[in-house]
Amino acid sequence: MTLDRSGRAAGRGAYVCRTGECFDTAFTKGALSRALKTPVPTESRIALGEGLKLDDQMIEGGARGQE
């Protein structure tokens, strides 16, 4: 499982907004697992969450194209 910052990687994926709070909600309510049609292991959740924390520090604004 990888974090695709460009949103253009080939294969199956799910869109989650770039805030940690949004990601936590998607994970705890099971939306991410449903979108991917597979359970998300805790290790993957932690790794993806860390990647999002880095994004929160680097990006101003949440919309694509405003990076």
PDB file of N, CA and C in Angstrom:
ATOM      1  N   MET A   1       0.847  -1.158   0.000  1.00  0.00           N
ATOM      2  CA  MET A   1       0.000   0.000   0.000  1.00  0.00           C
ATOM      3  C   MET A   1       0.901   1.233   0.000  1.00  0.00           C
ATOM      4  N   THR A   2       0.605   2.171  -0.891  1.00  0.00           N
ATOM      5  CA  THR A   2       1.413   3.386  -0.961  1.00  0.00           C
ATOM      6  C   THR A   2       0.522   4.618  -1.036  1.00  0.00           C
ATOM      7  N   LEU A   3       1.106   5.721  -0.669  1.00  0.00           N
ATOM      8  CA  LEU A   3       0.431   7.001  -0.744  1.00  0.00           C
ATOM      9  C   LEU A   3       0.807   7.648  -2.068  1.00  0.00           C
ATOM     10  N   ASP A   4      -0.195   7.908  -2.908  1.00  0.00           N
ATOM     11  CA  ASP A   4       0.049   8.513  -4.221  1.00  0.00           C
ATOM     12  C   ASP A   4      -0.323   9.985  -4.158  1.00  0.00           C
ATOM     13  N   ARG A   5       0.670  10.824  -3.997  1.00  0.00           N
ATOM     14  CA  ARG A   5       0.422  12.261  -3.861  1.00  0.00           C
ATOM     15  C   ARG A   5      -0.070  12.891  -5.157  1.00  0.00           C
ATOM     16  N   SER A   6       0.261  12.268  -6.311  1.00  0.00           N
ATOM     17  CA  SER A   6      -0.148  12.838  -7.597  1.00  0.00           C
ATOM     18  C   SER A   6      -1.588  12.472  -7.949  1.00  0.00           C
ATOM     19  N   GLY A   7      -2.088  11.360  -7.398  1.00  0.00           N
ATOM     20  CA  GLY A   7      -3.430  10.904  -7.730  1.00  0.00           C
ATOM     21  C   GLY A   7      -3.525  10.270  -9.103  1.00  0.00           C
ATOM     22  N   ARG A   8      -2.384   9.880  -9.666  1.00  0.00           N
ATOM     23  CA  ARG A   8      -2.383   9.341 -11.022  1.00  0.00           C
ATOM     24  C   ARG A   8      -1.756   7.949 -11.144  1.00  0.00           C
ATOM     25  N   ALA A   9      -1.444   7.321 -10.033  1.00  0.00           N
ATOM     26  CA  ALA A   9      -0.820   5.992 -10.098  1.00  0.00           C
ATOM     27  C   ALA A   9      -1.807   4.976 -10.666  1.00  0.00           C
ATOM     28  N   ALA A  10      -1.271   4.029 -11.400  1.00  0.00           N
ATOM     29  CA  ALA A  10      -2.103   2.977 -11.984  1.00  0.00           C
ATOM     30  C   ALA A  10      -2.559   2.003 -10.901  1.00  0.00           C
ATOM     31  N   GLY A  11      -3.697   1.408 -11.115  1.00  0.00           N
ATOM     32  CA  GLY A  11      -4.195   0.390 -10.198  1.00  0.00           C
ATOM     33  C   GLY A  11      -5.332   0.890  -9.335  1.00  0.00           C
ATOM     34  N   ARG A  12      -5.699   0.059  -8.391  1.00  0.00           N
ATOM     35  CA  ARG A  12      -6.806   0.364  -7.497  1.00  0.00           C
ATOM     36  C   ARG A  12      -6.398   1.394  -6.464  1.00  0.00           C
ATOM     37  N   GLY A  13      -7.293   2.282  -6.122  1.00  0.00           N
ATOM     38  CA  GLY A  13      -6.972   3.291  -5.119  1.00  0.00           C
ATOM     39  C   GLY A  13      -8.224   3.881  -4.519  1.00  0.00           C
ATOM     40  N   ALA A  14      -8.014   4.743  -3.555  1.00  0.00           N
ATOM     41  CA  ALA A  14      -9.112   5.438  -2.893  1.00  0.00           C
ATOM     42  C   ALA A  14      -8.659   6.855  -2.600  1.00  0.00           C
ATOM     43  N   TYR A  15      -9.555   7.807  -2.778  1.00  0.00           N
ATOM     44  CA  TYR A  15      -9.254   9.198  -2.486  1.00  0.00           C
ATOM     45  C   TYR A  15      -9.616   9.503  -1.045  1.00  0.00           C
ATOM     46  N   VAL A  16      -8.691  10.116  -0.340  1.00  0.00           N
ATOM     47  CA  VAL A  16      -8.919  10.578   1.027  1.00  0.00           C
ATOM     48  C   VAL A  16      -8.343  11.978   1.104  1.00  0.00           C
ATOM     49  N   CYS A  17      -9.073  12.906   1.710  1.00  0.00           N
ATOM     50  CA  CYS A  17      -8.534  14.261   1.807  1.00  0.00           C
ATOM     51  C   CYS A  17      -7.240  14.244   2.602  1.00  0.00           C
ATOM     52  N   ARG A  18      -6.478  15.312   2.500  1.00  0.00           N
ATOM     53  CA  ARG A  18      -5.108  15.313   3.003  1.00  0.00           C
ATOM     54  C   ARG A  18      -4.969  15.662   4.476  1.00  0.00           C
ATOM     55  N   THR A  19      -6.041  15.771   5.202  1.00  0.00           N
ATOM     56  CA  THR A  19      -5.906  16.063   6.623  1.00  0.00           C
ATOM     57  C   THR A  19      -5.912  14.772   7.417  1.00  0.00           C
ATOM     58  N   GLY A  20      -5.176  14.772   8.490  1.00  0.00           N
ATOM     59  CA  GLY A  20      -5.110  13.583   9.336  1.00  0.00           C
ATOM     60  C   GLY A  20      -6.448  13.222   9.936  1.00  0.00           C
ATOM     61  N   GLU A  21      -7.232  14.227  10.275  1.00  0.00           N
ATOM     62  CA  GLU A  21      -8.548  13.990  10.866  1.00  0.00           C
ATOM     63  C   GLU A  21      -9.460  13.250   9.885  1.00  0.00           C
ATOM     64  N   CYS A  22      -9.426  13.647   8.627  1.00  0.00           N
ATOM     65  CA  CYS A  22     -10.239  13.004   7.598  1.00  0.00           C
ATOM     66  C   CYS A  22      -9.809  11.544   7.421  1.00  0.00           C
ATOM     67  N   PHE A  23      -8.499  11.310   7.394  1.00  0.00           N
ATOM     68  CA  PHE A  23      -7.983   9.954   7.242  1.00  0.00           C
ATOM     69  C   PHE A  23      -8.404   9.083   8.426  1.00  0.00           C
ATOM     70  N   ASP A  24      -8.292   9.616   9.642  1.00  0.00           N
ATOM     71  CA  ASP A  24      -8.693   8.858  10.822  1.00  0.00           C
ATOM     72  C   ASP A  24     -10.167   8.472  10.749  1.00  0.00           C
ATOM     73  N   THR A  25     -11.003   9.396  10.310  1.00  0.00           N
ATOM     74  CA  THR A  25     -12.432   9.120  10.176  1.00  0.00           C
ATOM     75  C   THR A  25     -12.674   8.042   9.123  1.00  0.00           C
ATOM     76  N   ALA A  26     -11.999   8.147   7.979  1.00  0.00           N
ATOM     77  CA  ALA A  26     -12.163   7.150   6.914  1.00  0.00           C
ATOM     78  C   ALA A  26     -11.743   5.767   7.395  1.00  0.00           C
ATOM     79  N   PHE A  27     -10.714   5.708   8.207  1.00  0.00           N
ATOM     80  CA  PHE A  27     -10.242   4.416   8.700  1.00  0.00           C
ATOM     81  C   PHE A  27     -11.161   3.860   9.781  1.00  0.00           C
ATOM     82  N   THR A  28     -11.515   4.679  10.768  1.00  0.00           N
ATOM     83  CA  THR A  28     -12.309   4.174  11.881  1.00  0.00           C
ATOM     84  C   THR A  28     -13.719   3.772  11.467  1.00  0.00           C
ATOM     85  N   LYS A  29     -14.284   4.456  10.479  1.00  0.00           N
ATOM     86  CA  LYS A  29     -15.632   4.096  10.023  1.00  0.00           C
ATOM     87  C   LYS A  29     -15.620   3.005   8.962  1.00  0.00           C
ATOM     88  N   GLY A  30     -14.423   2.577   8.537  1.00  0.00           N
ATOM     89  CA  GLY A  30     -14.324   1.490   7.565  1.00  0.00           C
ATOM     90  C   GLY A  30     -14.464   1.921   6.117  1.00  0.00           C
ATOM     91  N   ALA A  31     -14.542   3.224   5.863  1.00  0.00           N
ATOM     92  CA  ALA A  31     -14.733   3.704   4.494  1.00  0.00           C
ATOM     93  C   ALA A  31     -13.544   3.358   3.602  1.00  0.00           C
ATOM     94  N   LEU A  32     -12.337   3.429   4.140  1.00  0.00           N
ATOM     95  CA  LEU A  32     -11.153   3.124   3.352  1.00  0.00           C
ATOM     96  C   LEU A  32     -11.126   1.648   2.961  1.00  0.00           C
ATOM     97  N   SER A  33     -11.447   0.771   3.879  1.00  0.00           N
ATOM     98  CA  SER A  33     -11.500  -0.663   3.572  1.00  0.00           C
ATOM     99  C   SER A  33     -12.570  -0.979   2.539  1.00  0.00           C
ATOM    100  N   ARG A  34     -13.718  -0.326   2.655  1.00  0.00           N
ATOM    101  CA  ARG A  34     -14.784  -0.544   1.675  1.00  0.00           C
ATOM    102  C   ARG A  34     -14.369  -0.049   0.296  1.00  0.00           C
ATOM    103  N   ALA A  35     -13.735   1.109   0.230  1.00  0.00           N
ATOM    104  CA  ALA A  35     -13.316   1.669  -1.063  1.00  0.00           C
ATOM    105  C   ALA A  35     -12.269   0.790  -1.731  1.00  0.00           C
ATOM    106  N   LEU A  36     -11.369   0.230  -0.937  1.00  0.00           N
ATOM    107  CA  LEU A  36     -10.317  -0.622  -1.489  1.00  0.00           C
ATOM    108  C   LEU A  36     -10.767  -2.073  -1.650  1.00  0.00           C
ATOM    109  N   LYS A  37     -11.925  -2.401  -1.086  1.00  0.00           N
ATOM    110  CA  LYS A  37     -12.484  -3.756  -1.130  1.00  0.00           C
ATOM    111  C   LYS A  37     -11.536  -4.779  -0.526  1.00  0.00           C
ATOM    112  N   THR A  38     -10.838  -4.357   0.525  1.00  0.00           N
ATOM    113  CA  THR A  38      -9.935  -5.237   1.268  1.00  0.00           C
ATOM    114  C   THR A  38      -9.663  -4.609   2.632  1.00  0.00           C
ATOM    115  N   PRO A  39      -9.421  -5.426   3.638  1.00  0.00           N
ATOM    116  CA  PRO A  39      -9.088  -4.851   4.946  1.00  0.00           C
ATOM    117  C   PRO A  39      -7.749  -4.106   4.883  1.00  0.00           C
ATOM    118  N   VAL A  40      -7.662  -3.010   5.616  1.00  0.00           N
ATOM    119  CA  VAL A  40      -6.410  -2.247   5.677  1.00  0.00           C
ATOM    120  C   VAL A  40      -5.705  -2.642   6.967  1.00  0.00           C
ATOM    121  N   PRO A  41      -4.535  -3.285   6.852  1.00  0.00           N
ATOM    122  CA  PRO A  41      -3.803  -3.694   8.057  1.00  0.00           C
ATOM    123  C   PRO A  41      -3.365  -2.478   8.881  1.00  0.00           C
ATOM    124  N   THR A  42      -3.255  -2.663  10.176  1.00  0.00           N
ATOM    125  CA  THR A  42      -2.865  -1.580  11.068  1.00  0.00           C
ATOM    126  C   THR A  42      -1.516  -0.984  10.671  1.00  0.00           C
ATOM    127  N   GLU A  43      -0.574  -1.824  10.249  1.00  0.00           N
ATOM    128  CA  GLU A  43       0.748  -1.331   9.858  1.00  0.00           C
ATOM    129  C   GLU A  43       0.633  -0.369   8.669  1.00  0.00           C
ATOM    130  N   SER A  44      -0.235  -0.701   7.712  1.00  0.00           N
ATOM    131  CA  SER A  44      -0.435   0.161   6.549  1.00  0.00           C
ATOM    132  C   SER A  44      -1.105   1.463   6.958  1.00  0.00           C
ATOM    133  N   ARG A  45      -2.052   1.372   7.861  1.00  0.00           N
ATOM    134  CA  ARG A  45      -2.731   2.574   8.341  1.00  0.00           C
ATOM    135  C   ARG A  45      -1.735   3.520   8.983  1.00  0.00           C
ATOM    136  N   ILE A  46      -0.839   2.993   9.799  1.00  0.00           N
ATOM    137  CA  ILE A  46       0.162   3.827  10.471  1.00  0.00           C
ATOM    138  C   ILE A  46       1.088   4.476   9.454  1.00  0.00           C
ATOM    139  N   ALA A  47       1.567   3.695   8.488  1.00  0.00           N
ATOM    140  CA  ALA A  47       2.480   4.218   7.469  1.00  0.00           C
ATOM    141  C   ALA A  47       1.811   5.300   6.622  1.00  0.00           C
ATOM    142  N   LEU A  48       0.572   5.074   6.209  1.00  0.00           N
ATOM    143  CA  LEU A  48      -0.147   6.069   5.422  1.00  0.00           C
ATOM    144  C   LEU A  48      -0.434   7.322   6.246  1.00  0.00           C
ATOM    145  N   GLY A  49      -0.772   7.126   7.503  1.00  0.00           N
ATOM    146  CA  GLY A  49      -1.032   8.258   8.388  1.00  0.00           C
ATOM    147  C   GLY A  49       0.205   9.128   8.577  1.00  0.00           C
ATOM    148  N   GLU A  50       1.373   8.498   8.687  1.00  0.00           N
ATOM    149  CA  GLU A  50       2.618   9.254   8.808  1.00  0.00           C
ATOM    150  C   GLU A  50       2.876  10.067   7.535  1.00  0.00           C
ATOM    151  N   GLY A  51       2.600   9.469   6.385  1.00  0.00           N
ATOM    152  CA  GLY A  51       2.755  10.187   5.120  1.00  0.00           C
ATOM    153  C   GLY A  51       1.836  11.387   5.033  1.00  0.00           C
ATOM    154  N   LEU A  52       0.626  11.257   5.543  1.00  0.00           N
ATOM    155  CA  LEU A  52      -0.315  12.375   5.547  1.00  0.00           C
ATOM    156  C   LEU A  52       0.130  13.474   6.497  1.00  0.00           C
ATOM    157  N   LYS A  53       0.737  13.103   7.610  1.00  0.00           N
ATOM    158  CA  LYS A  53       1.236  14.114   8.540  1.00  0.00           C
ATOM    159  C   LYS A  53       2.310  14.954   7.868  1.00  0.00           C
ATOM    160  N   LEU A  54       3.163  14.313   7.078  1.00  0.00           N
ATOM    161  CA  LEU A  54       4.182  15.058   6.345  1.00  0.00           C
ATOM    162  C   LEU A  54       3.531  15.992   5.338  1.00  0.00           C
ATOM    163  N   ASP A  55       2.480  15.527   4.660  1.00  0.00           N
ATOM    164  CA  ASP A  55       1.758  16.368   3.699  1.00  0.00           C
ATOM    165  C   ASP A  55       1.149  17.580   4.385  1.00  0.00           C
ATOM    166  N   ASP A  56       0.591  17.388   5.585  1.00  0.00           N
ATOM    167  CA  ASP A  56      -0.022  18.500   6.321  1.00  0.00           C
ATOM    168  C   ASP A  56       1.002  19.597   6.580  1.00  0.00           C
ATOM    169  N   GLN A  57       2.244  19.223   6.791  1.00  0.00           N
ATOM    170  CA  GLN A  57       3.277  20.206   7.081  1.00  0.00           C
ATOM    171  C   GLN A  57       3.768  20.899   5.821  1.00  0.00           C
ATOM    172  N   MET A  58       3.707  20.235   4.671  1.00  0.00           N
ATOM    173  CA  MET A  58       4.300  20.750   3.446  1.00  0.00           C
ATOM    174  C   MET A  58       3.327  21.504   2.559  1.00  0.00           C
ATOM    175  N   ILE A  59       2.035  21.245   2.656  1.00  0.00           N
ATOM    176  CA  ILE A  59       1.076  21.767   1.696  1.00  0.00           C
ATOM    177  C   ILE A  59       0.162  22.808   2.340  1.00  0.00           C
ATOM    178  N   GLU A  60       0.034  23.929   1.680  1.00  0.00           N
ATOM    179  CA  GLU A  60      -0.929  24.933   2.100  1.00  0.00           C
ATOM    180  C   GLU A  60      -2.149  24.816   1.197  1.00  0.00           C
ATOM    181  N   GLY A  61      -3.321  24.799   1.764  1.00  0.00           N
ATOM    182  CA  GLY A  61      -4.538  24.613   0.960  1.00  0.00           C
ATOM    183  C   GLY A  61      -4.746  23.144   0.716  1.00  0.00           C
ATOM    184  N   GLY A  62      -5.988  22.729   0.540  1.00  0.00           N
ATOM    185  CA  GLY A  62      -6.266  21.310   0.383  1.00  0.00           C
ATOM    186  C   GLY A  62      -6.637  20.897  -1.015  1.00  0.00           C
ATOM    187  N   ALA A  63      -6.860  21.833  -1.903  1.00  0.00           N
ATOM    188  CA  ALA A  63      -7.326  21.486  -3.249  1.00  0.00           C
ATOM    189  C   ALA A  63      -6.152  21.105  -4.144  1.00  0.00           C
ATOM    190  N   ARG A  64      -6.409  20.201  -5.051  1.00  0.00           N
ATOM    191  CA  ARG A  64      -5.390  19.818  -6.018  1.00  0.00           C
ATOM    192  C   ARG A  64      -5.041  21.010  -6.905  1.00  0.00           C
ATOM    193  N   GLY A  65      -3.793  21.077  -7.307  1.00  0.00           N
ATOM    194  CA  GLY A  65      -3.364  22.137  -8.191  1.00  0.00           C
ATOM    195  C   GLY A  65      -2.960  23.403  -7.456  1.00  0.00           C
ATOM    196  N   GLN A  66      -3.151  23.416  -6.162  1.00  0.00           N
ATOM    197  CA  GLN A  66      -2.753  24.583  -5.391  1.00  0.00           C
ATOM    198  C   GLN A  66      -1.514  24.324  -4.570  1.00  0.00           C
ATOM    199  N   GLU A  67      -0.811  23.252  -4.858  1.00  0.00           N
ATOM    200  CA  GLU A  67       0.382  22.922  -4.114  1.00  0.00           C
ATOM    201  C   GLU A  67       1.516  23.837  -4.481  1.00  0.00           C
TER     202      GLU A  67
END
